[in-house]
Amino acid sequence: MTESDADTEFLRMIVQREEQASFTMPIDSLIILSRLRNERRLTTIDLARSVQKPETVTWPTLEKQVEAGKVDTNET
């Protein structure tokens, strides 16, 4: 898989999610999903740095992605 293939797959997933939910995904959510797609295991602190917001603001954004089934929080 080339990098452009991965980007296309990611874009498809985002567009599908936005169509299902009838809303545009916030940039913080896109950044979080992109980082997790590339790095798999990150802390909330890592993600907070990426979105340049406090961890207390980042956590609810991450939690929404978990609830939507886009992020798995298992430690395995």
PDB file of N, CA and C in Angstrom:
ATOM      1  N   MET A   1       0.848  -1.173   0.000  1.00  0.00           N
ATOM      2  CA  MET A   1       0.000   0.000   0.000  1.00  0.00           C
ATOM      3  C   MET A   1       0.894   1.237   0.000  1.00  0.00           C
ATOM      4  N   THR A   2       0.628   2.136  -0.909  1.00  0.00           N
ATOM      5  CA  THR A   2       1.395   3.374  -0.961  1.00  0.00           C
ATOM      6  C   THR A   2       0.766   4.405  -0.039  1.00  0.00           C
ATOM      7  N   GLU A   3       1.512   5.467   0.211  1.00  0.00           N
ATOM      8  CA  GLU A   3       0.994   6.516   1.085  1.00  0.00           C
ATOM      9  C   GLU A   3      -0.280   7.133   0.514  1.00  0.00           C
ATOM     10  N   SER A   4      -0.355   7.304  -0.796  1.00  0.00           N
ATOM     11  CA  SER A   4      -1.552   7.891  -1.393  1.00  0.00           C
ATOM     12  C   SER A   4      -2.749   6.959  -1.252  1.00  0.00           C
ATOM     13  N   ASP A   5      -2.520   5.627  -1.312  1.00  0.00           N
ATOM     14  CA  ASP A   5      -3.613   4.677  -1.082  1.00  0.00           C
ATOM     15  C   ASP A   5      -4.156   4.833   0.336  1.00  0.00           C
ATOM     16  N   ALA A   6      -3.273   4.951   1.298  1.00  0.00           N
ATOM     17  CA  ALA A   6      -3.685   5.104   2.689  1.00  0.00           C
ATOM     18  C   ALA A   6      -4.480   6.390   2.876  1.00  0.00           C
ATOM     19  N   ASP A   7      -4.048   7.466   2.249  1.00  0.00           N
ATOM     20  CA  ASP A   7      -4.758   8.729   2.347  1.00  0.00           C
ATOM     21  C   ASP A   7      -6.149   8.613   1.743  1.00  0.00           C
ATOM     22  N   THR A   8      -6.270   7.919   0.624  1.00  0.00           N
ATOM     23  CA  THR A   8      -7.567   7.730  -0.016  1.00  0.00           C
ATOM     24  C   THR A   8      -8.497   6.925   0.879  1.00  0.00           C
ATOM     25  N   GLU A   9      -7.973   5.903   1.498  1.00  0.00           N
ATOM     26  CA  GLU A   9      -8.768   5.080   2.407  1.00  0.00           C
ATOM     27  C   GLU A   9      -9.239   5.907   3.609  1.00  0.00           C
ATOM     28  N   PHE A  10      -8.349   6.712   4.154  1.00  0.00           N
ATOM     29  CA  PHE A  10      -8.689   7.573   5.283  1.00  0.00           C
ATOM     30  C   PHE A  10      -9.762   8.581   4.874  1.00  0.00           C
ATOM     31  N   LEU A  11      -9.591   9.192   3.720  1.00  0.00           N
ATOM     32  CA  LEU A  11     -10.570  10.161   3.230  1.00  0.00           C
ATOM     33  C   LEU A  11     -11.938   9.509   3.045  1.00  0.00           C
ATOM     34  N   ARG A  12     -11.950   8.321   2.475  1.00  0.00           N
ATOM     35  CA  ARG A  12     -13.214   7.602   2.295  1.00  0.00           C
ATOM     36  C   ARG A  12     -13.916   7.367   3.629  1.00  0.00           C
ATOM     37  N   MET A  13     -13.152   6.960   4.640  1.00  0.00           N
ATOM     38  CA  MET A  13     -13.718   6.714   5.958  1.00  0.00           C
ATOM     39  C   MET A  13     -14.309   7.995   6.546  1.00  0.00           C
ATOM     40  N   ILE A  14     -13.599   9.104   6.384  1.00  0.00           N
ATOM     41  CA  ILE A  14     -14.081  10.385   6.918  1.00  0.00           C
ATOM     42  C   ILE A  14     -15.349  10.828   6.201  1.00  0.00           C
ATOM     43  N   VAL A  15     -15.348  10.762   4.886  1.00  0.00           N
ATOM     44  CA  VAL A  15     -16.521  11.181   4.104  1.00  0.00           C
ATOM     45  C   VAL A  15     -17.729  10.316   4.457  1.00  0.00           C
ATOM     46  N   GLN A  16     -17.513   9.023   4.580  1.00  0.00           N
ATOM     47  CA  GLN A  16     -18.610   8.113   4.940  1.00  0.00           C
ATOM     48  C   GLN A  16     -19.181   8.472   6.317  1.00  0.00           C
ATOM     49  N   ARG A  17     -18.305   8.730   7.255  1.00  0.00           N
ATOM     50  CA  ARG A  17     -18.752   9.089   8.612  1.00  0.00           C
ATOM     51  C   ARG A  17     -19.527  10.395   8.599  1.00  0.00           C
ATOM     52  N   GLU A  18     -19.039  11.376   7.841  1.00  0.00           N
ATOM     53  CA  GLU A  18     -19.736  12.658   7.774  1.00  0.00           C
ATOM     54  C   GLU A  18     -21.099  12.518   7.111  1.00  0.00           C
ATOM     55  N   GLU A  19     -21.191  11.691   6.079  1.00  0.00           N
ATOM     56  CA  GLU A  19     -22.476  11.476   5.411  1.00  0.00           C
ATOM     57  C   GLU A  19     -23.466  10.777   6.332  1.00  0.00           C
ATOM     58  N   GLN A  20     -22.994   9.795   7.077  1.00  0.00           N
ATOM     59  CA  GLN A  20     -23.871   9.063   8.000  1.00  0.00           C
ATOM     60  C   GLN A  20     -24.382   9.969   9.111  1.00  0.00           C
ATOM     61  N   ALA A  21     -23.519  10.826   9.604  1.00  0.00           N
ATOM     62  CA  ALA A  21     -23.869  11.687  10.732  1.00  0.00           C
ATOM     63  C   ALA A  21     -24.452  13.027  10.291  1.00  0.00           C
ATOM     64  N   SER A  22     -24.381  13.322   9.013  1.00  0.00           N
ATOM     65  CA  SER A  22     -24.874  14.591   8.456  1.00  0.00           C
ATOM     66  C   SER A  22     -24.217  15.809   9.102  1.00  0.00           C
ATOM     67  N   PHE A  23     -22.914  15.727   9.304  1.00  0.00           N
ATOM     68  CA  PHE A  23     -22.170  16.867   9.817  1.00  0.00           C
ATOM     69  C   PHE A  23     -20.726  16.768   9.363  1.00  0.00           C
ATOM     70  N   THR A  24     -20.044  17.901   9.399  1.00  0.00           N
ATOM     71  CA  THR A  24     -18.632  17.938   9.057  1.00  0.00           C
ATOM     72  C   THR A  24     -17.823  17.676  10.316  1.00  0.00           C
ATOM     73  N   MET A  25     -16.868  16.762  10.229  1.00  0.00           N
ATOM     74  CA  MET A  25     -16.064  16.408  11.385  1.00  0.00           C
ATOM     75  C   MET A  25     -15.137  17.563  11.760  1.00  0.00           C
ATOM     76  N   PRO A  26     -15.085  17.899  13.044  1.00  0.00           N
ATOM     77  CA  PRO A  26     -14.193  18.976  13.498  1.00  0.00           C
ATOM     78  C   PRO A  26     -12.724  18.638  13.232  1.00  0.00           C
ATOM     79  N   ILE A  27     -11.935  19.652  13.033  1.00  0.00           N
ATOM     80  CA  ILE A  27     -10.518  19.467  12.725  1.00  0.00           C
ATOM     81  C   ILE A  27      -9.793  18.698  13.816  1.00  0.00           C
ATOM     82  N   ASP A  28     -10.152  18.926  15.084  1.00  0.00           N
ATOM     83  CA  ASP A  28      -9.506  18.187  16.176  1.00  0.00           C
ATOM     84  C   ASP A  28      -9.730  16.680  16.023  1.00  0.00           C
ATOM     85  N   SER A  29     -10.928  16.298  15.641  1.00  0.00           N
ATOM     86  CA  SER A  29     -11.232  14.875  15.434  1.00  0.00           C
ATOM     87  C   SER A  29     -10.416  14.316  14.276  1.00  0.00           C
ATOM     88  N   LEU A  30     -10.296  15.084  13.213  1.00  0.00           N
ATOM     89  CA  LEU A  30      -9.502  14.636  12.066  1.00  0.00           C
ATOM     90  C   LEU A  30      -8.033  14.451  12.440  1.00  0.00           C
ATOM     91  N   ILE A  31      -7.515  15.370  13.211  1.00  0.00           N
ATOM     92  CA  ILE A  31      -6.115  15.272  13.647  1.00  0.00           C
ATOM     93  C   ILE A  31      -5.925  14.039  14.521  1.00  0.00           C
ATOM     94  N   ILE A  32      -6.824  13.832  15.456  1.00  0.00           N
ATOM     95  CA  ILE A  32      -6.733  12.676  16.349  1.00  0.00           C
ATOM     96  C   ILE A  32      -6.806  11.372  15.566  1.00  0.00           C
ATOM     97  N   LEU A  33      -7.772  11.261  14.671  1.00  0.00           N
ATOM     98  CA  LEU A  33      -7.905  10.032  13.883  1.00  0.00           C
ATOM     99  C   LEU A  33      -6.684   9.795  12.999  1.00  0.00           C
ATOM    100  N   SER A  34      -6.169  10.844  12.418  1.00  0.00           N
ATOM    101  CA  SER A  34      -4.991  10.715  11.572  1.00  0.00           C
ATOM    102  C   SER A  34      -3.776  10.245  12.378  1.00  0.00           C
ATOM    103  N   ARG A  35      -3.560  10.858  13.524  1.00  0.00           N
ATOM    104  CA  ARG A  35      -2.424  10.445  14.369  1.00  0.00           C
ATOM    105  C   ARG A  35      -2.557   8.995  14.796  1.00  0.00           C
ATOM    106  N   LEU A  36      -3.759   8.612  15.218  1.00  0.00           N
ATOM    107  CA  LEU A  36      -3.959   7.232  15.668  1.00  0.00           C
ATOM    108  C   LEU A  36      -3.852   6.239  14.518  1.00  0.00           C
ATOM    109  N   ARG A  37      -4.247   6.644  13.351  1.00  0.00           N
ATOM    110  CA  ARG A  37      -4.122   5.776  12.174  1.00  0.00           C
ATOM    111  C   ARG A  37      -2.648   5.498  11.885  1.00  0.00           C
ATOM    112  N   ASN A  38      -1.835   6.509  12.033  1.00  0.00           N
ATOM    113  CA  ASN A  38      -0.414   6.378  11.718  1.00  0.00           C
ATOM    114  C   ASN A  38       0.415   5.780  12.845  1.00  0.00           C
ATOM    115  N   GLU A  39       0.038   6.056  14.080  1.00  0.00           N
ATOM    116  CA  GLU A  39       0.879   5.654  15.208  1.00  0.00           C
ATOM    117  C   GLU A  39       0.238   4.626  16.126  1.00  0.00           C
ATOM    118  N   ARG A  40      -1.051   4.407  15.998  1.00  0.00           N
ATOM    119  CA  ARG A  40      -1.813   3.396  16.738  1.00  0.00           C
ATOM    120  C   ARG A  40      -1.938   3.640  18.235  1.00  0.00           C
ATOM    121  N   ARG A  41      -0.836   3.794  18.923  1.00  0.00           N
ATOM    122  CA  ARG A  41      -0.888   3.940  20.383  1.00  0.00           C
ATOM    123  C   ARG A  41      -0.337   5.295  20.804  1.00  0.00           C
ATOM    124  N   LEU A  42      -1.229   6.114  21.296  1.00  0.00           N
ATOM    125  CA  LEU A  42      -0.842   7.439  21.776  1.00  0.00           C
ATOM    126  C   LEU A  42      -1.603   7.722  23.064  1.00  0.00           C
ATOM    127  N   THR A  43      -1.032   8.543  23.896  1.00  0.00           N
ATOM    128  CA  THR A  43      -1.725   8.952  25.111  1.00  0.00           C
ATOM    129  C   THR A  43      -2.591  10.170  24.807  1.00  0.00           C
ATOM    130  N   THR A  44      -3.468  10.465  25.728  1.00  0.00           N
ATOM    131  CA  THR A  44      -4.283  11.671  25.589  1.00  0.00           C
ATOM    132  C   THR A  44      -3.383  12.908  25.596  1.00  0.00           C
ATOM    133  N   ILE A  45      -2.310  12.844  26.341  1.00  0.00           N
ATOM    134  CA  ILE A  45      -1.353  13.966  26.371  1.00  0.00           C
ATOM    135  C   ILE A  45      -0.732  14.168  24.990  1.00  0.00           C
ATOM    136  N   ASP A  46      -0.347  13.064  24.327  1.00  0.00           N
ATOM    137  CA  ASP A  46       0.202  13.164  22.966  1.00  0.00           C
ATOM    138  C   ASP A  46      -0.801  13.829  22.032  1.00  0.00           C
ATOM    139  N   LEU A  47      -2.048  13.393  22.125  1.00  0.00           N
ATOM    140  CA  LEU A  47      -3.079  13.931  21.241  1.00  0.00           C
ATOM    141  C   LEU A  47      -3.386  15.388  21.563  1.00  0.00           C
ATOM    142  N   ALA A  48      -3.357  15.732  22.843  1.00  0.00           N
ATOM    143  CA  ALA A  48      -3.595  17.130  23.237  1.00  0.00           C
ATOM    144  C   ALA A  48      -2.532  18.041  22.632  1.00  0.00           C
ATOM    145  N   ARG A  49      -1.313  17.575  22.620  1.00  0.00           N
ATOM    146  CA  ARG A  49      -0.237  18.365  21.992  1.00  0.00           C
ATOM    147  C   ARG A  49      -0.497  18.540  20.502  1.00  0.00           C
ATOM    148  N   SER A  50      -1.009  17.504  19.871  1.00  0.00           N
ATOM    149  CA  SER A  50      -1.265  17.567  18.427  1.00  0.00           C
ATOM    150  C   SER A  50      -2.354  18.577  18.075  1.00  0.00           C
ATOM    151  N   VAL A  51      -3.402  18.624  18.900  1.00  0.00           N
ATOM    152  CA  VAL A  51      -4.492  19.558  18.618  1.00  0.00           C
ATOM    153  C   VAL A  51      -4.275  20.914  19.305  1.00  0.00           C
ATOM    154  N   GLN A  52      -3.175  21.002  20.057  1.00  0.00           N
ATOM    155  CA  GLN A  52      -2.782  22.240  20.724  1.00  0.00           C
ATOM    156  C   GLN A  52      -3.868  22.761  21.663  1.00  0.00           C
ATOM    157  N   LYS A  53      -4.397  21.807  22.449  1.00  0.00           N
ATOM    158  CA  LYS A  53      -5.426  22.137  23.429  1.00  0.00           C
ATOM    159  C   LYS A  53      -5.146  21.350  24.700  1.00  0.00           C
ATOM    160  N   PRO A  54      -5.711  21.787  25.814  1.00  0.00           N
ATOM    161  CA  PRO A  54      -5.502  21.052  27.058  1.00  0.00           C
ATOM    162  C   PRO A  54      -6.073  19.633  26.972  1.00  0.00           C
ATOM    163  N   GLU A  55      -5.516  18.754  27.779  1.00  0.00           N
ATOM    164  CA  GLU A  55      -5.981  17.374  27.813  1.00  0.00           C
ATOM    165  C   GLU A  55      -7.466  17.300  28.191  1.00  0.00           C
ATOM    166  N   THR A  56      -7.912  18.187  29.041  1.00  0.00           N
ATOM    167  CA  THR A  56      -9.316  18.191  29.464  1.00  0.00           C
ATOM    168  C   THR A  56     -10.270  18.530  28.317  1.00  0.00           C
ATOM    169  N   VAL A  57      -9.775  19.223  27.313  1.00  0.00           N
ATOM    170  CA  VAL A  57     -10.573  19.539  26.127  1.00  0.00           C
ATOM    171  C   VAL A  57     -10.449  18.416  25.090  1.00  0.00           C
ATOM    172  N   THR A  58      -9.282  17.809  25.036  1.00  0.00           N
ATOM    173  CA  THR A  58      -9.017  16.757  24.058  1.00  0.00           C
ATOM    174  C   THR A  58      -9.748  15.464  24.401  1.00  0.00           C
ATOM    175  N   TRP A  59      -9.825  15.141  25.675  1.00  0.00           N
ATOM    176  CA  TRP A  59     -10.438  13.880  26.101  1.00  0.00           C
ATOM    177  C   TRP A  59     -11.869  13.712  25.564  1.00  0.00           C
ATOM    178  N   PRO A  60     -12.769  14.694  25.690  1.00  0.00           N
ATOM    179  CA  PRO A  60     -14.123  14.515  25.158  1.00  0.00           C
ATOM    180  C   PRO A  60     -14.149  14.275  23.636  1.00  0.00           C
ATOM    181  N   THR A  61     -13.233  14.905  22.923  1.00  0.00           N
ATOM    182  CA  THR A  61     -13.145  14.684  21.474  1.00  0.00           C
ATOM    183  C   THR A  61     -12.751  13.249  21.191  1.00  0.00           C
ATOM    184  N   LEU A  62     -11.785  12.747  21.911  1.00  0.00           N
ATOM    185  CA  LEU A  62     -11.361  11.362  21.769  1.00  0.00           C
ATOM    186  C   LEU A  62     -12.479  10.412  22.171  1.00  0.00           C
ATOM    187  N   GLU A  63     -13.149  10.729  23.242  1.00  0.00           N
ATOM    188  CA  GLU A  63     -14.253   9.895  23.728  1.00  0.00           C
ATOM    189  C   GLU A  63     -15.359   9.757  22.676  1.00  0.00           C
ATOM    190  N   LYS A  64     -15.661  10.823  21.961  1.00  0.00           N
ATOM    191  CA  LYS A  64     -16.678  10.769  20.901  1.00  0.00           C
ATOM    192  C   LYS A  64     -16.265   9.797  19.800  1.00  0.00           C
ATOM    193  N   GLN A  65     -14.978   9.759  19.490  1.00  0.00           N
ATOM    194  CA  GLN A  65     -14.494   8.835  18.455  1.00  0.00           C
ATOM    195  C   GLN A  65     -14.565   7.387  18.944  1.00  0.00           C
ATOM    196  N   VAL A  66     -14.318   7.185  20.213  1.00  0.00           N
ATOM    197  CA  VAL A  66     -14.448   5.839  20.799  1.00  0.00           C
ATOM    198  C   VAL A  66     -15.904   5.397  20.733  1.00  0.00           C
ATOM    199  N   GLU A  67     -16.817   6.267  21.134  1.00  0.00           N
ATOM    200  CA  GLU A  67     -18.246   5.953  21.120  1.00  0.00           C
ATOM    201  C   GLU A  67     -18.754   5.673  19.711  1.00  0.00           C
ATOM    202  N   ALA A  68     -18.154   6.340  18.722  1.00  0.00           N
ATOM    203  CA  ALA A  68     -18.563   6.145  17.328  1.00  0.00           C
ATOM    204  C   ALA A  68     -17.928   4.891  16.725  1.00  0.00           C
ATOM    205  N   GLY A  69     -17.065   4.231  17.499  1.00  0.00           N
ATOM    206  CA  GLY A  69     -16.424   3.018  17.027  1.00  0.00           C
ATOM    207  C   GLY A  69     -15.217   3.258  16.118  1.00  0.00           C
ATOM    208  N   LYS A  70     -14.723   4.470  16.090  1.00  0.00           N
ATOM    209  CA  LYS A  70     -13.576   4.814  15.241  1.00  0.00           C
ATOM    210  C   LYS A  70     -12.239   4.623  15.942  1.00  0.00           C
ATOM    211  N   VAL A  71     -12.267   4.527  17.272  1.00  0.00           N
ATOM    212  CA  VAL A  71     -11.053   4.373  18.055  1.00  0.00           C
ATOM    213  C   VAL A  71     -11.271   3.240  19.053  1.00  0.00           C
ATOM    214  N   ASP A  72     -10.281   2.368  19.152  1.00  0.00           N
ATOM    215  CA  ASP A  72     -10.319   1.260  20.098  1.00  0.00           C
ATOM    216  C   ASP A  72      -9.368   1.581  21.237  1.00  0.00           C
ATOM    217  N   THR A  73      -9.845   1.476  22.463  1.00  0.00           N
ATOM    218  CA  THR A  73      -9.032   1.812  23.619  1.00  0.00           C
ATOM    219  C   THR A  73      -8.446   0.587  24.309  1.00  0.00           C
ATOM    220  N   ASN A  74      -8.530  -0.574  23.702  1.00  0.00           N
ATOM    221  CA  ASN A  74      -7.972  -1.789  24.317  1.00  0.00           C
ATOM    222  C   ASN A  74      -6.474  -1.699  24.416  1.00  0.00           C
ATOM    223  N   GLU A  75      -5.932  -2.283  25.442  1.00  0.00           N
ATOM    224  CA  GLU A  75      -4.479  -2.266  25.687  1.00  0.00           C
ATOM    225  C   GLU A  75      -3.757  -3.430  25.039  1.00  0.00           C
ATOM    226  N   THR A  76      -4.422  -4.272  24.283  1.00  0.00           N
ATOM    227  CA  THR A  76      -3.784  -5.453  23.693  1.00  0.00           C
ATOM    228  C   THR A  76      -2.897  -5.119  22.559  1.00  0.00           C
TER     229      THR A  76
END
